[in-house]
PDB file of N, CA and C in Angstrom:
ATOM      1  N   MET A   1     -30.140 -41.474   0.781  1.00  0.00           N
ATOM      2  CA  MET A   1     -28.729 -41.701   1.071  1.00  0.00           C
ATOM      3  C   MET A   1     -27.850 -41.109  -0.010  1.00  0.00           C
ATOM      4  N   LYS A   2     -28.199 -41.383  -1.267  1.00  0.00           N
ATOM      5  CA  LYS A   2     -27.429 -40.841  -2.421  1.00  0.00           C
ATOM      6  C   LYS A   2     -27.482 -39.363  -2.447  1.00  0.00           C
ATOM      7  N   ARG A   3     -28.612 -38.783  -2.069  1.00  0.00           N
ATOM      8  CA  ARG A   3     -28.810 -37.331  -2.090  1.00  0.00           C
ATOM      9  C   ARG A   3     -27.883 -36.635  -1.013  1.00  0.00           C
ATOM     10  N   ASN A   4     -27.796 -37.269   0.160  1.00  0.00           N
ATOM     11  CA  ASN A   4     -26.950 -36.773   1.196  1.00  0.00           C
ATOM     12  C   ASN A   4     -25.457 -36.806   0.813  1.00  0.00           C
ATOM     13  N   PHE A   5     -25.081 -37.895   0.099  1.00  0.00           N
ATOM     14  CA  PHE A   5     -23.716 -38.039  -0.331  1.00  0.00           C
ATOM     15  C   PHE A   5     -23.324 -37.002  -1.378  1.00  0.00           C
ATOM     16  N   LEU A   6     -24.263 -36.739  -2.298  1.00  0.00           N
ATOM     17  CA  LEU A   6     -24.047 -35.709  -3.337  1.00  0.00           C
ATOM     18  C   LEU A   6     -23.945 -34.350  -2.690  1.00  0.00           C
ATOM     19  N   GLY A   7     -24.767 -34.062  -1.733  1.00  0.00           N
ATOM     20  CA  GLY A   7     -24.768 -32.791  -1.033  1.00  0.00           C
ATOM     21  C   GLY A   7     -23.448 -32.588  -0.262  1.00  0.00           C
ATOM     22  N   ALA A   8     -22.998 -33.664   0.427  1.00  0.00           N
ATOM     23  CA  ALA A   8     -21.743 -33.507   1.129  1.00  0.00           C
ATOM     24  C   ALA A   8     -20.550 -33.374   0.229  1.00  0.00           C
ATOM     25  N   ALA A   9     -20.577 -34.076  -0.905  1.00  0.00           N
ATOM     26  CA  ALA A   9     -19.498 -34.007  -1.865  1.00  0.00           C
ATOM     27  C   ALA A   9     -19.494 -32.618  -2.514  1.00  0.00           C
ATOM     28  N   SER A  10     -20.621 -32.082  -2.767  1.00  0.00           N
ATOM     29  CA  SER A  10     -20.692 -30.706  -3.300  1.00  0.00           C
ATOM     30  C   SER A  10     -20.226 -29.654  -2.355  1.00  0.00           C
ATOM     31  N   LEU A  11     -20.564 -29.825  -1.078  1.00  0.00           N
ATOM     32  CA  LEU A  11     -20.129 -28.931  -0.059  1.00  0.00           C
ATOM     33  C   LEU A  11     -18.647 -28.947   0.107  1.00  0.00           C
ATOM     34  N   PHE A  12     -18.100 -30.193   0.072  1.00  0.00           N
ATOM     35  CA  PHE A  12     -16.614 -30.360   0.191  1.00  0.00           C
ATOM     36  C   PHE A  12     -15.919 -29.706  -1.059  1.00  0.00           C
ATOM     37  N   ALA A  13     -16.447 -29.917  -2.237  1.00  0.00           N
ATOM     38  CA  ALA A  13     -15.811 -29.319  -3.429  1.00  0.00           C
ATOM     39  C   ALA A  13     -15.842 -27.804  -3.340  1.00  0.00           C
ATOM     40  N   LEU A  14     -17.025 -27.276  -2.937  1.00  0.00           N
ATOM     41  CA  LEU A  14     -17.176 -25.808  -2.784  1.00  0.00           C
ATOM     42  C   LEU A  14     -16.203 -25.250  -1.742  1.00  0.00           C
ATOM     43  N   SER A  15     -16.033 -25.981  -0.678  1.00  0.00           N
ATOM     44  CA  SER A  15     -15.077 -25.555   0.371  1.00  0.00           C
ATOM     45  C   SER A  15     -13.669 -25.519  -0.217  1.00  0.00           C
ATOM     46  N   LEU A  16     -13.251 -26.423  -0.962  1.00  0.00           N
ATOM     47  CA  LEU A  16     -11.935 -26.473  -1.560  1.00  0.00           C
ATOM     48  C   LEU A  16     -11.782 -25.291  -2.526  1.00  0.00           C
ATOM     49  N   VAL A  17     -12.752 -24.970  -3.259  1.00  0.00           N
ATOM     50  CA  VAL A  17     -12.680 -23.846  -4.233  1.00  0.00           C
ATOM     51  C   VAL A  17     -12.550 -22.493  -3.461  1.00  0.00           C
ATOM     52  N   VAL A  18     -13.263 -22.362  -2.383  1.00  0.00           N
ATOM     53  CA  VAL A  18     -13.249 -21.176  -1.535  1.00  0.00           C
ATOM     54  C   VAL A  18     -11.859 -21.072  -0.926  1.00  0.00           C
ATOM     55  N   ILE A  19     -11.315 -22.147  -0.379  1.00  0.00           N
ATOM     56  CA  ILE A  19     -10.015 -22.104   0.286  1.00  0.00           C
ATOM     57  C   ILE A  19      -8.921 -21.772  -0.698  1.00  0.00           C
ATOM     58  N   SER A  20      -8.959 -22.325  -1.918  1.00  0.00           N
ATOM     59  CA  SER A  20      -7.898 -22.021  -2.890  1.00  0.00           C
ATOM     60  C   SER A  20      -8.071 -20.582  -3.373  1.00  0.00           C
ATOM     61  N   GLY A  21      -9.309 -20.037  -3.420  1.00  0.00           N
ATOM     62  CA  GLY A  21      -9.485 -18.648  -3.770  1.00  0.00           C
ATOM     63  C   GLY A  21      -8.923 -17.787  -2.699  1.00  0.00           C
ATOM     64  N   CYS A  22      -9.060 -18.164  -1.423  1.00  0.00           N
ATOM     65  CA  CYS A  22      -8.509 -17.327  -0.297  1.00  0.00           C
ATOM     66  C   CYS A  22      -6.978 -17.281  -0.357  1.00  0.00           C
ATOM     67  N   ASP A  23      -6.383 -18.381  -0.761  1.00  0.00           N
ATOM     68  CA  ASP A  23      -4.922 -18.398  -0.860  1.00  0.00           C
ATOM     69  C   ASP A  23      -4.461 -17.428  -1.970  1.00  0.00           C
ATOM     70  N   GLN A  24      -5.179 -17.391  -3.068  1.00  0.00           N
ATOM     71  CA  GLN A  24      -4.821 -16.508  -4.185  1.00  0.00           C
ATOM     72  C   GLN A  24      -5.008 -15.072  -3.736  1.00  0.00           C
ATOM     73  N   VAL A  25      -6.124 -14.777  -3.018  1.00  0.00           N
ATOM     74  CA  VAL A  25      -6.325 -13.446  -2.506  1.00  0.00           C
ATOM     75  C   VAL A  25      -5.206 -13.009  -1.529  1.00  0.00           C
ATOM     76  N   GLU A  26      -4.776 -13.931  -0.735  1.00  0.00           N
ATOM     77  CA  GLU A  26      -3.763 -13.603   0.234  1.00  0.00           C
ATOM     78  C   GLU A  26      -2.430 -13.349  -0.461  1.00  0.00           C
ATOM     79  N   LYS A  27      -2.117 -14.117  -1.483  1.00  0.00           N
ATOM     80  CA  LYS A  27      -0.924 -13.869  -2.244  1.00  0.00           C
ATOM     81  C   LYS A  27      -0.951 -12.545  -2.992  1.00  0.00           C
ATOM     82  N   SER A  28      -2.093 -12.256  -3.538  1.00  0.00           N
ATOM     83  CA  SER A  28      -2.275 -10.967  -4.222  1.00  0.00           C
ATOM     84  C   SER A  28      -2.122  -9.801  -3.294  1.00  0.00           C
ATOM     85  N   ALA A  29      -2.664  -9.936  -2.126  1.00  0.00           N
ATOM     86  CA  ALA A  29      -2.588  -8.896  -1.093  1.00  0.00           C
ATOM     87  C   ALA A  29      -1.137  -8.706  -0.661  1.00  0.00           C
ATOM     88  N   GLN A  30      -0.408  -9.720  -0.541  1.00  0.00           N
ATOM     89  CA  GLN A  30       0.992  -9.640  -0.132  1.00  0.00           C
ATOM     90  C   GLN A  30       1.807  -8.948  -1.216  1.00  0.00           C
ATOM     91  N   GLN A  31       1.512  -9.254  -2.464  1.00  0.00           N
ATOM     92  CA  GLN A  31       2.161  -8.553  -3.596  1.00  0.00           C
ATOM     93  C   GLN A  31       1.870  -7.074  -3.610  1.00  0.00           C
ATOM     94  N   VAL A  32       0.570  -6.762  -3.392  1.00  0.00           N
ATOM     95  CA  VAL A  32       0.230  -5.353  -3.349  1.00  0.00           C
ATOM     96  C   VAL A  32       0.843  -4.592  -2.224  1.00  0.00           C
ATOM     97  N   LEU A  33       0.944  -5.221  -1.042  1.00  0.00           N
ATOM     98  CA  LEU A  33       1.611  -4.618   0.110  1.00  0.00           C
ATOM     99  C   LEU A  33       3.051  -4.478  -0.132  1.00  0.00           C
ATOM    100  N   GLY A  34       3.736  -5.439  -0.777  1.00  0.00           N
ATOM    101  CA  GLY A  34       5.117  -5.343  -1.094  1.00  0.00           C
ATOM    102  C   GLY A  34       5.394  -4.193  -2.068  1.00  0.00           C
ATOM    103  N   THR A  35       4.570  -4.042  -3.028  1.00  0.00           N
ATOM    104  CA  THR A  35       4.694  -2.936  -4.051  1.00  0.00           C
ATOM    105  C   THR A  35       4.494  -1.629  -3.324  1.00  0.00           C
ATOM    106  N   ALA A  36       3.518  -1.530  -2.475  1.00  0.00           N
ATOM    107  CA  ALA A  36       3.241  -0.230  -1.757  1.00  0.00           C
ATOM    108  C   ALA A  36       4.430   0.078  -0.811  1.00  0.00           C
ATOM    109  N   THR A  37       4.972  -0.905  -0.156  1.00  0.00           N
ATOM    110  CA  THR A  37       6.111  -0.686   0.706  1.00  0.00           C
ATOM    111  C   THR A  37       7.314  -0.186  -0.091  1.00  0.00           C
ATOM    112  N   GLU A  38       7.575  -0.713  -1.193  1.00  0.00           N
ATOM    113  CA  GLU A  38       8.711  -0.252  -2.070  1.00  0.00           C
ATOM    114  C   GLU A  38       8.407   1.139  -2.548  1.00  0.00           C
ATOM    115  N   SER A  39       7.234   1.482  -2.917  1.00  0.00           N
ATOM    116  CA  SER A  39       6.829   2.787  -3.380  1.00  0.00           C
ATOM    117  C   SER A  39       7.019   3.804  -2.266  1.00  0.00           C
ATOM    118  N   ALA A  40       6.634   3.464  -1.061  1.00  0.00           N
ATOM    119  CA  ALA A  40       6.785   4.338   0.081  1.00  0.00           C
ATOM    120  C   ALA A  40       8.284   4.520   0.439  1.00  0.00           C
ATOM    121  N   LYS A  41       9.086   3.512   0.357  1.00  0.00           N
ATOM    122  CA  LYS A  41      10.517   3.677   0.600  1.00  0.00           C
ATOM    123  C   LYS A  41      11.072   4.623  -0.427  1.00  0.00           C
ATOM    124  N   GLN A  42      10.713   4.499  -1.693  1.00  0.00           N
ATOM    125  CA  GLN A  42      11.289   5.361  -2.756  1.00  0.00           C
ATOM    126  C   GLN A  42      10.815   6.781  -2.527  1.00  0.00           C
ATOM    127  N   ALA A  43       9.599   6.980  -2.139  1.00  0.00           N
ATOM    128  CA  ALA A  43       9.111   8.349  -1.867  1.00  0.00           C
ATOM    129  C   ALA A  43       9.856   9.000  -0.741  1.00  0.00           C
ATOM    130  N   ILE A  44      10.158   8.201   0.303  1.00  0.00           N
ATOM    131  CA  ILE A  44      10.907   8.717   1.443  1.00  0.00           C
ATOM    132  C   ILE A  44      12.337   9.074   1.020  1.00  0.00           C
ATOM    133  N   ASP A  45      12.969   8.213   0.249  1.00  0.00           N
ATOM    134  CA  ASP A  45      14.302   8.486  -0.256  1.00  0.00           C
ATOM    135  C   ASP A  45      14.340   9.766  -1.140  1.00  0.00           C
ATOM    136  N   ASP A  46      13.384   9.877  -2.000  1.00  0.00           N
ATOM    137  CA  ASP A  46      13.261  11.023  -2.919  1.00  0.00           C
ATOM    138  C   ASP A  46      13.075  12.283  -2.070  1.00  0.00           C
ATOM    139  N   THR A  47      12.212  12.239  -1.070  1.00  0.00           N
ATOM    140  CA  THR A  47      11.948  13.402  -0.205  1.00  0.00           C
ATOM    141  C   THR A  47      13.187  13.771   0.516  1.00  0.00           C
ATOM    142  N   HIS A  48      13.935  12.806   1.020  1.00  0.00           N
ATOM    143  CA  HIS A  48      15.171  13.058   1.748  1.00  0.00           C
ATOM    144  C   HIS A  48      16.201  13.733   0.852  1.00  0.00           C
ATOM    145  N   LYS A  49      16.307  13.234  -0.345  1.00  0.00           N
ATOM    146  CA  LYS A  49      17.266  13.842  -1.270  1.00  0.00           C
ATOM    147  C   LYS A  49      16.869  15.234  -1.624  1.00  0.00           C
ATOM    148  N   ALA A  50      15.581  15.501  -1.831  1.00  0.00           N
ATOM    149  CA  ALA A  50      15.123  16.863  -2.130  1.00  0.00           C
ATOM    150  C   ALA A  50      15.331  17.787  -0.993  1.00  0.00           C
ATOM    151  N   ALA A  51      15.158  17.288   0.227  1.00  0.00           N
ATOM    152  CA  ALA A  51      15.367  18.103   1.444  1.00  0.00           C
ATOM    153  C   ALA A  51      16.826  18.466   1.555  1.00  0.00           C
ATOM    154  N   GLU A  52      17.681  17.509   1.332  1.00  0.00           N
ATOM    155  CA  GLU A  52      19.167  17.810   1.394  1.00  0.00           C
ATOM    156  C   GLU A  52      19.541  18.832   0.359  1.00  0.00           C
ATOM    157  N   GLN A  53      18.978  18.731  -0.851  1.00  0.00           N
ATOM    158  CA  GLN A  53      19.342  19.627  -1.922  1.00  0.00           C
ATOM    159  C   GLN A  53      18.788  21.020  -1.508  1.00  0.00           C
ATOM    160  N   ALA A  54      17.548  21.076  -1.026  1.00  0.00           N
ATOM    161  CA  ALA A  54      17.003  22.451  -0.655  1.00  0.00           C
ATOM    162  C   ALA A  54      17.811  23.030   0.496  1.00  0.00           C
ATOM    163  N   LEU A  55      18.264  22.251   1.402  1.00  0.00           N
ATOM    164  CA  LEU A  55      19.118  22.793   2.500  1.00  0.00           C
ATOM    165  C   LEU A  55      20.423  23.243   1.978  1.00  0.00           C
ATOM    166  N   SER A  56      20.970  22.533   1.077  1.00  0.00           N
ATOM    167  CA  SER A  56      22.272  22.977   0.481  1.00  0.00           C
ATOM    168  C   SER A  56      22.079  24.221  -0.316  1.00  0.00           C
ATOM    169  N   GLU A  57      20.992  24.348  -1.044  1.00  0.00           N
ATOM    170  CA  GLU A  57      20.786  25.564  -1.816  1.00  0.00           C
ATOM    171  C   GLU A  57      20.496  26.774  -0.932  1.00  0.00           C
ATOM    172  N   ALA A  58      19.758  26.519   0.131  1.00  0.00           N
ATOM    173  CA  ALA A  58      19.384  27.576   1.112  1.00  0.00           C
ATOM    174  C   ALA A  58      20.568  28.129   1.839  1.00  0.00           C
ATOM    175  N   THR A  59      21.534  27.292   2.092  1.00  0.00           N
ATOM    176  CA  THR A  59      22.737  27.674   2.830  1.00  0.00           C
ATOM    177  C   THR A  59      23.869  27.998   1.868  1.00  0.00           C
ATOM    178  N   GLN A  60      23.587  27.892   0.551  1.00  0.00           N
ATOM    179  CA  GLN A  60      24.552  28.131  -0.531  1.00  0.00           C
ATOM    180  C   GLN A  60      25.770  27.248  -0.331  1.00  0.00           C
ATOM    181  N   GLY A  61      25.572  26.029   0.139  1.00  0.00           N
ATOM    182  CA  GLY A  61      26.642  25.064   0.203  1.00  0.00           C
ATOM    183  C   GLY A  61      27.566  25.274   1.418  1.00  0.00           C
ATOM    184  N   LEU A  62      27.193  26.223   2.336  1.00  0.00           N
ATOM    185  CA  LEU A  62      28.078  26.393   3.498  1.00  0.00           C
ATOM    186  C   LEU A  62      27.978  25.271   4.502  1.00  0.00           C
ATOM    187  N   ILE A  63      26.839  24.622   4.546  1.00  0.00           N
ATOM    188  CA  ILE A  63      26.611  23.529   5.497  1.00  0.00           C
ATOM    189  C   ILE A  63      26.314  22.290   4.631  1.00  0.00           C
ATOM    190  N   GLN A  64      27.041  21.235   4.842  1.00  0.00           N
ATOM    191  CA  GLN A  64      26.809  19.991   4.147  1.00  0.00           C
ATOM    192  C   GLN A  64      26.017  19.056   5.099  1.00  0.00           C
ATOM    193  N   PRO A  65      24.865  18.474   4.612  1.00  0.00           N
ATOM    194  CA  PRO A  65      24.067  17.652   5.436  1.00  0.00           C
ATOM    195  C   PRO A  65      24.852  16.486   6.102  1.00  0.00           C
ATOM    196  N   GLU A  66      25.773  15.855   5.410  1.00  0.00           N
ATOM    197  CA  GLU A  66      26.535  14.766   5.951  1.00  0.00           C
ATOM    198  C   GLU A  66      27.465  15.266   7.087  1.00  0.00           C
ATOM    199  N   LYS A  67      28.012  16.477   6.991  1.00  0.00           N
ATOM    200  CA  LYS A  67      28.791  17.054   7.954  1.00  0.00           C
ATOM    201  C   LYS A  67      27.956  17.358   9.265  1.00  0.00           C
ATOM    202  N   GLN A  68      26.733  17.826   9.008  1.00  0.00           N
ATOM    203  CA  GLN A  68      25.830  18.148  10.110  1.00  0.00           C
ATOM    204  C   GLN A  68      25.576  16.895  10.951  1.00  0.00           C
ATOM    205  N   GLU A  69      25.326  15.778  10.291  1.00  0.00           N
ATOM    206  CA  GLU A  69      25.052  14.506  10.992  1.00  0.00           C
ATOM    207  C   GLU A  69      26.238  14.086  11.787  1.00  0.00           C
ATOM    208  N   LYS A  70      27.401  14.206  11.191  1.00  0.00           N
ATOM    209  CA  LYS A  70      28.680  13.808  11.859  1.00  0.00           C
ATOM    210  C   LYS A  70      28.889  14.701  13.073  1.00  0.00           C
ATOM    211  N   GLU A  71      28.712  16.038  12.906  1.00  0.00           N
ATOM    212  CA  GLU A  71      28.909  16.983  13.985  1.00  0.00           C
ATOM    213  C   GLU A  71      27.874  16.700  15.114  1.00  0.00           C
ATOM    214  N   ALA A  72      26.663  16.417  14.744  1.00  0.00           N
ATOM    215  CA  ALA A  72      25.668  16.103  15.776  1.00  0.00           C
ATOM    216  C   ALA A  72      26.052  14.817  16.560  1.00  0.00           C
ATOM    217  N   GLU A  73      26.574  13.858  15.877  1.00  0.00           N
ATOM    218  CA  GLU A  73      27.022  12.647  16.552  1.00  0.00           C
ATOM    219  C   GLU A  73      28.250  12.902  17.472  1.00  0.00           C
ATOM    220  N   ASP A  74      29.160  13.748  16.949  1.00  0.00           N
ATOM    221  CA  ASP A  74      30.343  14.113  17.783  1.00  0.00           C
ATOM    222  C   ASP A  74      29.876  14.863  19.022  1.00  0.00           C
ATOM    223  N   ASN A  75      28.957  15.806  18.860  1.00  0.00           N
ATOM    224  CA  ASN A  75      28.506  16.617  19.982  1.00  0.00           C
ATOM    225  C   ASN A  75      27.739  15.729  21.008  1.00  0.00           C
ATOM    226  N   SER A  76      26.962  14.761  20.506  1.00  0.00           N
ATOM    227  CA  SER A  76      26.292  13.927  21.505  1.00  0.00           C
ATOM    228  C   SER A  76      27.304  13.022  22.224  1.00  0.00           C
ATOM    229  N   ASP A  77      28.369  12.614  21.572  1.00  0.00           N
ATOM    230  CA  ASP A  77      29.394  11.780  22.249  1.00  0.00           C
ATOM    231  C   ASP A  77      30.102  12.593  23.314  1.00  0.00           C
ATOM    232  N   THR A  78      30.373  13.854  23.080  1.00  0.00           N
ATOM    233  CA  THR A  78      31.097  14.642  24.060  1.00  0.00           C
ATOM    234  C   THR A  78      30.205  14.997  25.200  1.00  0.00           C
ATOM    235  N   LYS A  79      28.908  15.179  25.016  1.00  0.00           N
ATOM    236  CA  LYS A  79      27.965  15.522  26.095  1.00  0.00           C
ATOM    237  C   LYS A  79      27.797  14.269  27.011  1.00  0.00           C
ATOM    238  N   GLU A  80      27.892  13.108  26.487  1.00  0.00           N
ATOM    239  CA  GLU A  80      27.640  11.942  27.296  1.00  0.00           C
ATOM    240  C   GLU A  80      28.793  11.715  28.308  1.00  0.00           C
ATOM    241  N   THR A  81      29.958  12.128  27.977  1.00  0.00           N
ATOM    242  CA  THR A  81      31.137  11.884  28.860  1.00  0.00           C
ATOM    243  C   THR A  81      31.282  12.909  29.918  1.00  0.00           C
TER     244      THR A  81
END
């Protein structure tokens, strides 16, 4: 009887250790994913800025990216009516 009790107690203690370890792994994974998401957003923003600069240099400043977006929106509004 005493042996069964010790076995059950040991199994319960081991289960608690594993569960708490899983929580720590989950938190770490969430932190890593958060960091990766922020890095990806920064890379996209940097790429966008570089593309705008390359477009501006290629057109020698004749076409402004912000003006293109506004013109595209205006054109789509007039086509819908």
